[in-house]
PDB file of all heavy atoms in Angstrom:
ATOM      1  N   THR A   1    -118.825-183.733 126.832  1.00  0.00           N
ATOM      2  CA  THR A   1    -119.105-182.471 126.156  1.00  0.00           C
ATOM      3  C   THR A   1    -120.496-182.020 126.523  1.00  0.00           C
ATOM      4  O   THR A   1    -121.450-182.787 126.283  1.00  0.00           O
ATOM      5  CB  THR A   1    -118.819-182.551 124.710  1.00  0.00           C
ATOM      6  OG1 THR A   1    -117.518-183.052 124.468  1.00  0.00           O
ATOM      7  CG2 THR A   1    -118.958-181.151 124.000  1.00  0.00           C
ATOM      8  N   GLU A   2    -120.674-180.875 126.886  1.00  0.00           N
ATOM      9  CA  GLU A   2    -121.963-180.291 127.214  1.00  0.00           C
ATOM     10  C   GLU A   2    -122.288-179.063 126.365  1.00  0.00           C
ATOM     11  O   GLU A   2    -121.451-178.247 126.146  1.00  0.00           O
ATOM     12  CB  GLU A   2    -122.009-179.845 128.729  1.00  0.00           C
ATOM     13  CG  GLU A   2    -121.706-180.967 129.684  1.00  0.00           C
ATOM     14  CD  GLU A   2    -122.833-181.964 129.709  1.00  0.00           C
ATOM     15  OE1 GLU A   2    -123.987-181.696 129.823  1.00  0.00           O
ATOM     16  OE2 GLU A   2    -122.457-183.227 129.577  1.00  0.00           O
ATOM     17  N   ARG A   3    -123.484-179.021 125.903  1.00  0.00           N
ATOM     18  CA  ARG A   3    -123.946-177.862 125.185  1.00  0.00           C
ATOM     19  C   ARG A   3    -124.500-176.947 126.240  1.00  0.00           C
ATOM     20  O   ARG A   3    -125.429-177.247 126.947  1.00  0.00           O
ATOM     21  CB  ARG A   3    -125.110-178.177 124.166  1.00  0.00           C
ATOM     22  CG  ARG A   3    -125.636-176.795 123.513  1.00  0.00           C
ATOM     23  CD  ARG A   3    -126.748-177.130 122.584  1.00  0.00           C
ATOM     24  NE  ARG A   3    -126.194-177.874 121.385  1.00  0.00           N
ATOM     25  CZ  ARG A   3    -125.621-177.322 120.300  1.00  0.00           C
ATOM     26  NH1 ARG A   3    -125.450-176.076 120.276  1.00  0.00           N
ATOM     27  NH2 ARG A   3    -125.203-178.073 119.302  1.00  0.00           N
ATOM     28  N   MET A   4    -123.888-175.768 126.440  1.00  0.00           N
ATOM     29  CA  MET A   4    -124.250-174.830 127.508  1.00  0.00           C
ATOM     30  C   MET A   4    -125.157-173.778 126.870  1.00  0.00           C
ATOM     31  O   MET A   4    -124.918-173.221 125.842  1.00  0.00           O
ATOM     32  CB  MET A   4    -123.004-174.149 127.997  1.00  0.00           C
ATOM     33  CG  MET A   4    -121.858-175.066 128.428  1.00  0.00           C
ATOM     34  SD  MET A   4    -122.304-176.106 129.883  1.00  0.00           S
ATOM     35  CE  MET A   4    -122.328-174.821 131.152  1.00  0.00           C
ATOM     36  N   SER A   5    -126.239-173.497 127.631  1.00  0.00           N
ATOM     37  CA  SER A   5    -127.214-172.505 127.221  1.00  0.00           C
ATOM     38  C   SER A   5    -127.210-171.479 128.410  1.00  0.00           C
ATOM     39  O   SER A   5    -127.642-171.827 129.509  1.00  0.00           O
ATOM     40  CB  SER A   5    -128.550-173.019 127.011  1.00  0.00           C
ATOM     41  OG  SER A   5    -129.493-172.030 126.802  1.00  0.00           O
ATOM     42  N   LEU A   6    -126.732-170.267 128.122  1.00  0.00           N
ATOM     43  CA  LEU A   6    -126.605-169.368 129.214  1.00  0.00           C
ATOM     44  C   LEU A   6    -127.529-168.055 129.073  1.00  0.00           C
ATOM     45  O   LEU A   6    -127.487-167.403 127.899  1.00  0.00           O
ATOM     46  CB  LEU A   6    -125.167-168.688 129.239  1.00  0.00           C
ATOM     47  CG  LEU A   6    -123.998-169.731 129.267  1.00  0.00           C
ATOM     48  CD1 LEU A   6    -122.610-169.156 129.156  1.00  0.00           C
ATOM     49  CD2 LEU A   6    -124.084-170.696 130.511  1.00  0.00           C
ATOM     50  N   THR A   7    -128.314-167.847 129.974  1.00  0.00           N
ATOM     51  CA  THR A   7    -129.155-166.697 130.020  1.00  0.00           C
ATOM     52  C   THR A   7    -128.499-165.798 131.030  1.00  0.00           C
ATOM     53  O   THR A   7    -128.548-166.019 132.208  1.00  0.00           O
ATOM     54  CB  THR A   7    -130.626-167.003 130.449  1.00  0.00           C
ATOM     55  OG1 THR A   7    -131.182-168.007 129.574  1.00  0.00           O
ATOM     56  CG2 THR A   7    -131.442-165.710 130.448  1.00  0.00           C
ATOM     57  N   PRO A   8    -127.777-164.757 130.649  1.00  0.00           N
ATOM     58  CA  PRO A   8    -126.944-163.908 131.559  1.00  0.00           C
ATOM     59  C   PRO A   8    -127.500-163.600 132.885  1.00  0.00           C
ATOM     60  O   PRO A   8    -128.668-163.071 132.923  1.00  0.00           O
ATOM     61  CB  PRO A   8    -126.582-162.711 130.721  1.00  0.00           C
ATOM     62  CG  PRO A   8    -126.650-163.175 129.309  1.00  0.00           C
ATOM     63  CD  PRO A   8    -127.802-164.145 129.286  1.00  0.00           C
ATOM     64  N   GLU A   9    -126.693-163.990 133.942  1.00  0.00           N
ATOM     65  CA  GLU A   9    -127.050-163.765 135.322  1.00  0.00           C
ATOM     66  C   GLU A   9    -128.415-164.300 135.766  1.00  0.00           C
ATOM     67  O   GLU A   9    -128.933-163.952 136.877  1.00  0.00           O
ATOM     68  CB  GLU A   9    -126.994-162.311 135.617  1.00  0.00           C
ATOM     69  CG  GLU A   9    -125.575-161.744 135.418  1.00  0.00           C
ATOM     70  CD  GLU A   9    -125.324-160.305 135.921  1.00  0.00           C
ATOM     71  OE1 GLU A   9    -126.174-159.878 136.829  1.00  0.00           O
ATOM     72  OE2 GLU A   9    -124.344-159.771 135.563  1.00  0.00           O
ATOM     73  N   GLU A  10    -128.929-165.225 135.043  1.00  0.00           N
ATOM     74  CA  GLU A  10    -130.296-165.874 135.369  1.00  0.00           C
ATOM     75  C   GLU A  10    -130.217-167.409 135.351  1.00  0.00           C
ATOM     76  O   GLU A  10    -130.678-168.036 136.370  1.00  0.00           O
ATOM     77  CB  GLU A  10    -131.397-165.446 134.474  1.00  0.00           C
ATOM     78  CG  GLU A  10    -131.804-163.962 134.651  1.00  0.00           C
ATOM     79  CD  GLU A  10    -133.008-163.491 133.796  1.00  0.00           C
ATOM     80  OE1 GLU A  10    -133.634-164.384 133.151  1.00  0.00           O
ATOM     81  OE2 GLU A  10    -133.143-162.375 133.701  1.00  0.00           O
ATOM     82  N   ARG A  11    -129.741-167.974 134.330  1.00  0.00           N
ATOM     83  CA  ARG A  11    -129.911-169.460 134.076  1.00  0.00           C
ATOM     84  C   ARG A  11    -128.675-169.953 133.296  1.00  0.00           C
ATOM     85  O   ARG A  11    -128.226-169.448 132.348  1.00  0.00           O
ATOM     86  CB  ARG A  11    -131.203-169.638 133.315  1.00  0.00           C
ATOM     87  CG  ARG A  11    -131.503-171.101 132.958  1.00  0.00           C
ATOM     88  CD  ARG A  11    -132.670-171.268 132.134  1.00  0.00           C
ATOM     89  NE  ARG A  11    -133.942-170.709 132.796  1.00  0.00           N
ATOM     90  CZ  ARG A  11    -134.695-171.614 133.377  1.00  0.00           C
ATOM     91  NH1 ARG A  11    -134.510-172.876 133.410  1.00  0.00           N
ATOM     92  NH2 ARG A  11    -135.834-171.045 133.921  1.00  0.00           N
ATOM     93  N   ILE A  12    -128.256-171.061 133.790  1.00  0.00           N
ATOM     94  CA  ILE A  12    -127.239-171.997 133.016  1.00  0.00           C
ATOM     95  C   ILE A  12    -127.842-173.287 132.921  1.00  0.00           C
ATOM     96  O   ILE A  12    -128.253-173.936 133.850  1.00  0.00           O
ATOM     97  CB  ILE A  12    -125.923-172.076 133.851  1.00  0.00           C
ATOM     98  CG1 ILE A  12    -125.269-170.690 134.155  1.00  0.00           C
ATOM     99  CG2 ILE A  12    -124.964-172.987 133.120  1.00  0.00           C
ATOM    100  CD1 ILE A  12    -124.219-170.754 135.225  1.00  0.00           C
ATOM    101  N   GLU A  13    -128.059-173.690 131.657  1.00  0.00           N
ATOM    102  CA  GLU A  13    -128.606-175.117 131.440  1.00  0.00           C
ATOM    103  C   GLU A  13    -127.583-175.804 130.495  1.00  0.00           C
ATOM    104  O   GLU A  13    -126.869-175.205 129.730  1.00  0.00           O
ATOM    105  CB  GLU A  13    -129.898-174.961 130.566  1.00  0.00           C
ATOM    106  CG  GLU A  13    -131.056-174.350 131.489  1.00  0.00           C
ATOM    107  CD  GLU A  13    -132.284-174.307 130.696  1.00  0.00           C
ATOM    108  OE1 GLU A  13    -132.387-173.644 129.693  1.00  0.00           O
ATOM    109  OE2 GLU A  13    -133.247-174.998 131.174  1.00  0.00           O
ATOM    110  N   PHE A  14    -127.482-177.118 130.776  1.00  0.00           N
ATOM    111  CA  PHE A  14    -126.495-177.914 130.012  1.00  0.00           C
ATOM    112  C   PHE A  14    -127.123-179.253 129.684  1.00  0.00           C
ATOM    113  O   PHE A  14    -127.870-179.764 130.483  1.00  0.00           O
ATOM    114  CB  PHE A  14    -125.177-178.015 130.761  1.00  0.00           C
ATOM    115  CG  PHE A  14    -125.308-178.393 132.171  1.00  0.00           C
ATOM    116  CD1 PHE A  14    -125.075-179.607 132.615  1.00  0.00           C
ATOM    117  CD2 PHE A  14    -125.471-177.358 133.142  1.00  0.00           C
ATOM    118  CE1 PHE A  14    -125.195-180.033 133.963  1.00  0.00           C
ATOM    119  CE2 PHE A  14    -125.527-177.610 134.497  1.00  0.00           C
ATOM    120  CZ  PHE A  14    -125.460-178.959 134.934  1.00  0.00           C
ATOM    121  N   THR A  15    -126.735-179.761 128.548  1.00  0.00           N
ATOM    122  CA  THR A  15    -127.168-181.060 128.135  1.00  0.00           C
ATOM    123  C   THR A  15    -125.972-181.745 127.459  1.00  0.00           C
ATOM    124  O   THR A  15    -125.205-181.126 126.798  1.00  0.00           O
ATOM    125  CB  THR A  15    -128.329-181.020 127.249  1.00  0.00           C
ATOM    126  OG1 THR A  15    -128.884-182.207 127.081  1.00  0.00           O
ATOM    127  CG2 THR A  15    -128.063-180.329 126.011  1.00  0.00           C
ATOM    128  N   HIS A  16    -125.839-183.119 127.578  1.00  0.00           N
ATOM    129  CA  HIS A  16    -124.816-183.730 127.019  1.00  0.00           C
ATOM    130  C   HIS A  16    -124.969-183.709 125.488  1.00  0.00           C
ATOM    131  O   HIS A  16    -125.998-184.113 124.937  1.00  0.00           O
ATOM    132  CB  HIS A  16    -124.842-185.283 127.551  1.00  0.00           C
ATOM    133  CG  HIS A  16    -123.688-186.103 127.139  1.00  0.00           C
ATOM    134  ND1 HIS A  16    -123.787-187.357 126.714  1.00  0.00           N
ATOM    135  CD2 HIS A  16    -122.323-185.786 126.983  1.00  0.00           C
ATOM    136  CE1 HIS A  16    -122.571-187.843 126.315  1.00  0.00           C
ATOM    137  NE2 HIS A  16    -121.695-186.925 126.496  1.00  0.00           N
ATOM    138  N   ASP A  17    -123.857-183.388 124.792  1.00  0.00           N
ATOM    139  CA  ASP A  17    -123.852-183.203 123.344  1.00  0.00           C
ATOM    140  C   ASP A  17    -122.539-183.421 122.804  1.00  0.00           C
ATOM    141  O   ASP A  17    -121.818-182.487 122.423  1.00  0.00           O
ATOM    142  CB  ASP A  17    -124.409-181.786 123.025  1.00  0.00           C
ATOM    143  CG  ASP A  17    -124.658-181.597 121.589  1.00  0.00           C
ATOM    144  OD1 ASP A  17    -124.964-182.510 120.889  1.00  0.00           O
ATOM    145  OD2 ASP A  17    -124.444-180.426 121.084  1.00  0.00           O
ATOM    146  N   PRO A  18    -122.089-184.670 122.637  1.00  0.00           N
ATOM    147  CA  PRO A  18    -120.798-185.030 122.220  1.00  0.00           C
ATOM    148  C   PRO A  18    -120.689-184.548 120.733  1.00  0.00           C
ATOM    149  O   PRO A  18    -121.524-184.528 119.988  1.00  0.00           O
ATOM    150  CB  PRO A  18    -120.614-186.514 122.259  1.00  0.00           C
ATOM    151  CG  PRO A  18    -122.011-187.087 122.573  1.00  0.00           C
ATOM    152  CD  PRO A  18    -122.783-185.921 123.014  1.00  0.00           C
ATOM    153  N   PRO A  19    -119.349-184.382 120.292  1.00  0.00           N
ATOM    154  CA  PRO A  19    -119.171-184.036 118.912  1.00  0.00           C
ATOM    155  C   PRO A  19    -119.620-185.165 117.933  1.00  0.00           C
ATOM    156  O   PRO A  19    -119.578-186.362 118.340  1.00  0.00           O
ATOM    157  CB  PRO A  19    -117.536-183.870 118.870  1.00  0.00           C
ATOM    158  CG  PRO A  19    -117.124-183.707 120.220  1.00  0.00           C
ATOM    159  CD  PRO A  19    -118.191-184.311 121.097  1.00  0.00           C
ATOM    160  N   ALA A  20    -119.910-184.783 116.770  1.00  0.00           N
ATOM    161  CA  ALA A  20    -120.488-185.691 115.762  1.00  0.00           C
ATOM    162  C   ALA A  20    -119.389-186.879 115.645  1.00  0.00           C
ATOM    163  O   ALA A  20    -118.235-186.680 115.458  1.00  0.00           O
ATOM    164  CB  ALA A  20    -120.669-185.073 114.482  1.00  0.00           C
ATOM    165  N   GLY A  21    -119.962-188.118 115.685  1.00  0.00           N
ATOM    166  CA  GLY A  21    -119.116-189.293 115.496  1.00  0.00           C
ATOM    167  C   GLY A  21    -118.273-189.643 116.690  1.00  0.00           C
ATOM    168  O   GLY A  21    -117.590-190.666 116.650  1.00  0.00           O
ATOM    169  N   LYS A  22    -118.427-188.952 117.760  1.00  0.00           N
ATOM    170  CA  LYS A  22    -117.666-189.317 119.033  1.00  0.00           C
ATOM    171  C   LYS A  22    -118.609-189.949 120.084  1.00  0.00           C
ATOM    172  O   LYS A  22    -119.562-189.298 120.436  1.00  0.00           O
ATOM    173  CB  LYS A  22    -116.911-188.164 119.535  1.00  0.00           C
ATOM    174  CG  LYS A  22    -116.118-188.418 120.764  1.00  0.00           C
ATOM    175  CD  LYS A  22    -115.255-187.178 121.253  1.00  0.00           C
ATOM    176  CE  LYS A  22    -114.470-187.633 122.453  1.00  0.00           C
ATOM    177  NZ  LYS A  22    -113.772-186.474 123.032  1.00  0.00           N
ATOM    178  N   ARG A  23    -118.232-191.023 120.634  1.00  0.00           N
ATOM    179  CA  ARG A  23    -118.985-191.592 121.707  1.00  0.00           C
ATOM    180  C   ARG A  23    -118.375-191.204 123.069  1.00  0.00           C
ATOM    181  O   ARG A  23    -117.240-191.528 123.232  1.00  0.00           O
ATOM    182  CB  ARG A  23    -119.041-193.168 121.578  1.00  0.00           C
ATOM    183  CG  ARG A  23    -119.879-193.858 122.527  1.00  0.00           C
ATOM    184  CD  ARG A  23    -119.822-195.406 122.323  1.00  0.00           C
ATOM    185  NE  ARG A  23    -120.360-196.068 123.506  1.00  0.00           N
ATOM    186  CZ  ARG A  23    -119.770-196.207 124.675  1.00  0.00           C
ATOM    187  NH1 ARG A  23    -118.488-195.781 124.863  1.00  0.00           N
ATOM    188  NH2 ARG A  23    -120.382-196.820 125.641  1.00  0.00           N
ATOM    189  N   GLU A  24    -119.156-190.719 123.891  1.00  0.00           N
ATOM    190  CA  GLU A  24    -118.796-190.336 125.250  1.00  0.00           C
ATOM    191  C   GLU A  24    -119.564-191.201 126.250  1.00  0.00           C
ATOM    192  O   GLU A  24    -120.807-190.994 126.408  1.00  0.00           O
ATOM    193  CB  GLU A  24    -118.985-188.860 125.484  1.00  0.00           C
ATOM    194  CG  GLU A  24    -118.051-187.986 124.702  1.00  0.00           C
ATOM    195  CD  GLU A  24    -118.256-186.543 124.941  1.00  0.00           C
ATOM    196  OE1 GLU A  24    -119.292-186.089 125.485  1.00  0.00           O
ATOM    197  OE2 GLU A  24    -117.308-185.756 124.584  1.00  0.00           O
ATOM    198  N   PRO A  25    -118.937-192.030 127.017  1.00  0.00           N
ATOM    199  CA  PRO A  25    -119.784-192.863 127.883  1.00  0.00           C
ATOM    200  C   PRO A  25    -120.228-192.128 129.179  1.00  0.00           C
ATOM    201  O   PRO A  25    -120.915-192.839 130.146  1.00  0.00           O
ATOM    202  CB  PRO A  25    -118.784-194.046 128.245  1.00  0.00           C
ATOM    203  CG  PRO A  25    -117.506-193.500 127.980  1.00  0.00           C
ATOM    204  CD  PRO A  25    -117.637-192.443 126.871  1.00  0.00           C
ATOM    205  N   ALA A  26    -119.893-190.894 129.323  1.00  0.00           N
ATOM    206  CA  ALA A  26    -120.341-190.180 130.515  1.00  0.00           C
ATOM    207  C   ALA A  26    -120.932-188.853 130.040  1.00  0.00           C
ATOM    208  O   ALA A  26    -120.602-188.428 128.919  1.00  0.00           O
ATOM    209  CB  ALA A  26    -119.193-189.913 131.517  1.00  0.00           C
ATOM    210  N   GLY A  27    -121.766-188.292 130.808  1.00  0.00           N
ATOM    211  CA  GLY A  27    -122.338-187.082 130.549  1.00  0.00           C
ATOM    212  C   GLY A  27    -123.256-186.442 131.694  1.00  0.00           C
ATOM    213  O   GLY A  27    -123.411-187.142 132.739  1.00  0.00           O
ATOM    214  N   ALA A  28    -123.732-185.200 131.499  1.00  0.00           N
ATOM    215  CA  ALA A  28    -124.539-184.573 132.500  1.00  0.00           C
ATOM    216  C   ALA A  28    -125.607-183.794 131.922  1.00  0.00           C
ATOM    217  O   ALA A  28    -125.521-183.438 130.746  1.00  0.00           O
ATOM    218  CB  ALA A  28    -123.609-183.753 133.397  1.00  0.00           C
ATOM    219  N   GLU A  29    -126.663-183.585 132.686  1.00  0.00           N
ATOM    220  CA  GLU A  29    -127.826-182.737 132.388  1.00  0.00           C
ATOM    221  C   GLU A  29    -128.064-181.964 133.602  1.00  0.00           C
ATOM    222  O   GLU A  29    -128.012-182.479 134.630  1.00  0.00           O
ATOM    223  CB  GLU A  29    -129.009-183.589 132.045  1.00  0.00           C
ATOM    224  CG  GLU A  29    -128.856-184.719 131.042  1.00  0.00           C
ATOM    225  CD  GLU A  29    -128.677-184.269 129.597  1.00  0.00           C
ATOM    226  OE1 GLU A  29    -129.305-183.220 129.210  1.00  0.00           O
ATOM    227  OE2 GLU A  29    -128.086-184.939 128.854  1.00  0.00           O
ATOM    228  N   GLY A  30    -128.460-180.715 133.393  1.00  0.00           N
ATOM    229  CA  GLY A  30    -128.872-179.927 134.559  1.00  0.00           C
ATOM    230  C   GLY A  30    -128.995-178.398 134.278  1.00  0.00           C
ATOM    231  O   GLY A  30    -129.039-177.962 133.165  1.00  0.00           O
ATOM    232  N   ARG A  31    -129.071-177.775 135.391  1.00  0.00           N
ATOM    233  CA  ARG A  31    -129.326-176.284 135.402  1.00  0.00           C
ATOM    234  C   ARG A  31    -128.946-175.588 136.610  1.00  0.00           C
ATOM    235  O   ARG A  31    -128.999-176.210 137.760  1.00  0.00           O
ATOM    236  CB  ARG A  31    -130.702-175.922 134.963  1.00  0.00           C
ATOM    237  CG  ARG A  31    -131.722-176.154 136.077  1.00  0.00           C
ATOM    238  CD  ARG A  31    -133.067-175.627 135.793  1.00  0.00           C
ATOM    239  NE  ARG A  31    -133.883-175.833 136.882  1.00  0.00           N
ATOM    240  CZ  ARG A  31    -134.830-176.750 137.018  1.00  0.00           C
ATOM    241  NH1 ARG A  31    -135.039-177.571 136.011  1.00  0.00           N
ATOM    242  NH2 ARG A  31    -135.625-176.939 138.165  1.00  0.00           N
ATOM    243  N   TYR A  32    -128.608-174.377 136.555  1.00  0.00           N
ATOM    244  CA  TYR A  32    -128.326-173.479 137.597  1.00  0.00           C
ATOM    245  C   TYR A  32    -129.289-172.320 137.482  1.00  0.00           C
ATOM    246  O   TYR A  32    -129.298-171.775 136.389  1.00  0.00           O
ATOM    247  CB  TYR A  32    -126.898-172.965 137.663  1.00  0.00           C
ATOM    248  CG  TYR A  32    -125.767-173.909 138.075  1.00  0.00           C
ATOM    249  CD1 TYR A  32    -125.663-175.128 137.424  1.00  0.00           C
ATOM    250  CD2 TYR A  32    -124.946-173.630 139.178  1.00  0.00           C
ATOM    251  CE1 TYR A  32    -124.720-176.030 137.729  1.00  0.00           C
ATOM    252  CE2 TYR A  32    -123.983-174.558 139.475  1.00  0.00           C
ATOM    253  CZ  TYR A  32    -123.797-175.671 138.800  1.00  0.00           C
ATOM    254  OH  TYR A  32    -122.821-176.639 139.215  1.00  0.00           O
ATOM    255  N   LEU A  33    -130.006-171.918 138.494  1.00  0.00           N
ATOM    256  CA  LEU A  33    -130.904-170.770 138.462  1.00  0.00           C
ATOM    257  C   LEU A  33    -130.388-169.700 139.474  1.00  0.00           C
ATOM    258  O   LEU A  33    -130.096-170.157 140.639  1.00  0.00           O
ATOM    259  CB  LEU A  33    -132.325-171.138 138.758  1.00  0.00           C
ATOM    260  CG  LEU A  33    -132.927-172.209 137.763  1.00  0.00           C
ATOM    261  CD1 LEU A  33    -134.393-172.643 138.259  1.00  0.00           C
ATOM    262  CD2 LEU A  33    -132.981-171.666 136.394  1.00  0.00           C
ATOM    263  N   LEU A  34    -130.284-168.457 139.202  1.00  0.00           N
ATOM    264  CA  LEU A  34    -129.847-167.469 139.992  1.00  0.00           C
ATOM    265  C   LEU A  34    -131.046-166.409 140.100  1.00  0.00           C
ATOM    266  O   LEU A  34    -131.567-165.988 139.023  1.00  0.00           O
ATOM    267  CB  LEU A  34    -128.705-166.703 139.520  1.00  0.00           C
ATOM    268  CG  LEU A  34    -127.370-167.550 139.510  1.00  0.00           C
ATOM    269  CD1 LEU A  34    -127.228-168.266 138.199  1.00  0.00           C
ATOM    270  CD2 LEU A  34    -126.152-166.662 139.721  1.00  0.00           C
ATOM    271  N   GLU A  35    -131.293-166.014 141.297  1.00  0.00           N
ATOM    272  CA  GLU A  35    -132.495-165.042 141.568  1.00  0.00           C
ATOM    273  C   GLU A  35    -132.091-164.142 142.770  1.00  0.00           C
ATOM    274  O   GLU A  35    -131.566-164.569 143.749  1.00  0.00           O
ATOM    275  CB  GLU A  35    -133.659-165.878 141.886  1.00  0.00           C
ATOM    276  CG  GLU A  35    -134.845-165.083 142.127  1.00  0.00           C
ATOM    277  CD  GLU A  35    -136.132-165.942 142.472  1.00  0.00           C
ATOM    278  OE1 GLU A  35    -136.128-166.569 143.520  1.00  0.00           O
ATOM    279  OE2 GLU A  35    -137.034-165.971 141.577  1.00  0.00           O
ATOM    280  N   ASP A  36    -132.274-162.826 142.519  1.00  0.00           N
ATOM    281  CA  ASP A  36    -132.018-161.865 143.647  1.00  0.00           C
ATOM    282  C   ASP A  36    -132.970-162.096 144.774  1.00  0.00           C
ATOM    283  O   ASP A  36    -134.188-162.495 144.550  1.00  0.00           O
ATOM    284  CB  ASP A  36    -132.167-160.408 143.131  1.00  0.00           C
ATOM    285  CG  ASP A  36    -131.087-160.038 142.277  1.00  0.00           C
ATOM    286  OD1 ASP A  36    -129.930-160.539 142.333  1.00  0.00           O
ATOM    287  OD2 ASP A  36    -131.290-159.107 141.376  1.00  0.00           O
ATOM    288  N   THR A  37    -132.490-161.953 146.032  1.00  0.00           N
ATOM    289  CA  THR A  37    -133.256-162.022 147.162  1.00  0.00           C
ATOM    290  C   THR A  37    -132.738-160.819 148.011  1.00  0.00           C
ATOM    291  O   THR A  37    -131.673-160.334 147.846  1.00  0.00           O
ATOM    292  CB  THR A  37    -133.080-163.283 148.001  1.00  0.00           C
ATOM    293  OG1 THR A  37    -131.871-163.295 148.672  1.00  0.00           O
ATOM    294  CG2 THR A  37    -133.374-164.521 147.169  1.00  0.00           C
ATOM    295  N   PRO A  38    -133.544-160.355 149.162  1.00  0.00           N
ATOM    296  CA  PRO A  38    -133.050-159.319 149.980  1.00  0.00           C
ATOM    297  C   PRO A  38    -131.760-159.631 150.659  1.00  0.00           C
ATOM    298  O   PRO A  38    -130.851-158.849 150.991  1.00  0.00           O
ATOM    299  CB  PRO A  38    -134.211-159.183 150.991  1.00  0.00           C
ATOM    300  CG  PRO A  38    -135.397-159.664 150.314  1.00  0.00           C
ATOM    301  CD  PRO A  38    -134.904-160.757 149.399  1.00  0.00           C
ATOM    302  N   GLU A  39    -131.474-160.997 150.853  1.00  0.00           N
ATOM    303  CA  GLU A  39    -130.268-161.467 151.534  1.00  0.00           C
ATOM    304  C   GLU A  39    -129.063-161.762 150.624  1.00  0.00           C
ATOM    305  O   GLU A  39    -127.989-161.984 151.138  1.00  0.00           O
ATOM    306  CB  GLU A  39    -130.573-162.665 152.332  1.00  0.00           C
ATOM    307  CG  GLU A  39    -131.669-162.573 153.409  1.00  0.00           C
ATOM    308  CD  GLU A  39    -133.048-162.821 152.850  1.00  0.00           C
ATOM    309  OE1 GLU A  39    -133.174-163.333 151.681  1.00  0.00           O
ATOM    310  OE2 GLU A  39    -133.973-162.292 153.514  1.00  0.00           O
ATOM    311  N   GLY A  40    -129.336-161.628 149.305  1.00  0.00           N
ATOM    312  CA  GLY A  40    -128.233-161.954 148.395  1.00  0.00           C
ATOM    313  C   GLY A  40    -128.737-162.569 147.107  1.00  0.00           C
ATOM    314  O   GLY A  40    -129.632-162.009 146.486  1.00  0.00           O
ATOM    315  N   THR A  41    -128.276-163.808 146.757  1.00  0.00           N
ATOM    316  CA  THR A  41    -128.809-164.425 145.505  1.00  0.00           C
ATOM    317  C   THR A  41    -129.153-165.919 145.842  1.00  0.00           C
ATOM    318  O   THR A  41    -128.427-166.664 146.510  1.00  0.00           O
ATOM    319  CB  THR A  41    -127.556-164.494 144.476  1.00  0.00           C
ATOM    320  OG1 THR A  41    -127.139-163.159 144.268  1.00  0.00           O
ATOM    321  CG2 THR A  41    -128.042-165.106 143.219  1.00  0.00           C
TER     322      THR A  41
END
């Protein structure tokens, strides 16, 4: 389970955040950044 933090059309950030009392032996952390360029994104 990931807590997603979305800044519309700019940033997606996520951090492992399992439900209370639940143990998850796998998880992820990261981000996606989007930025306009003359050639696209």
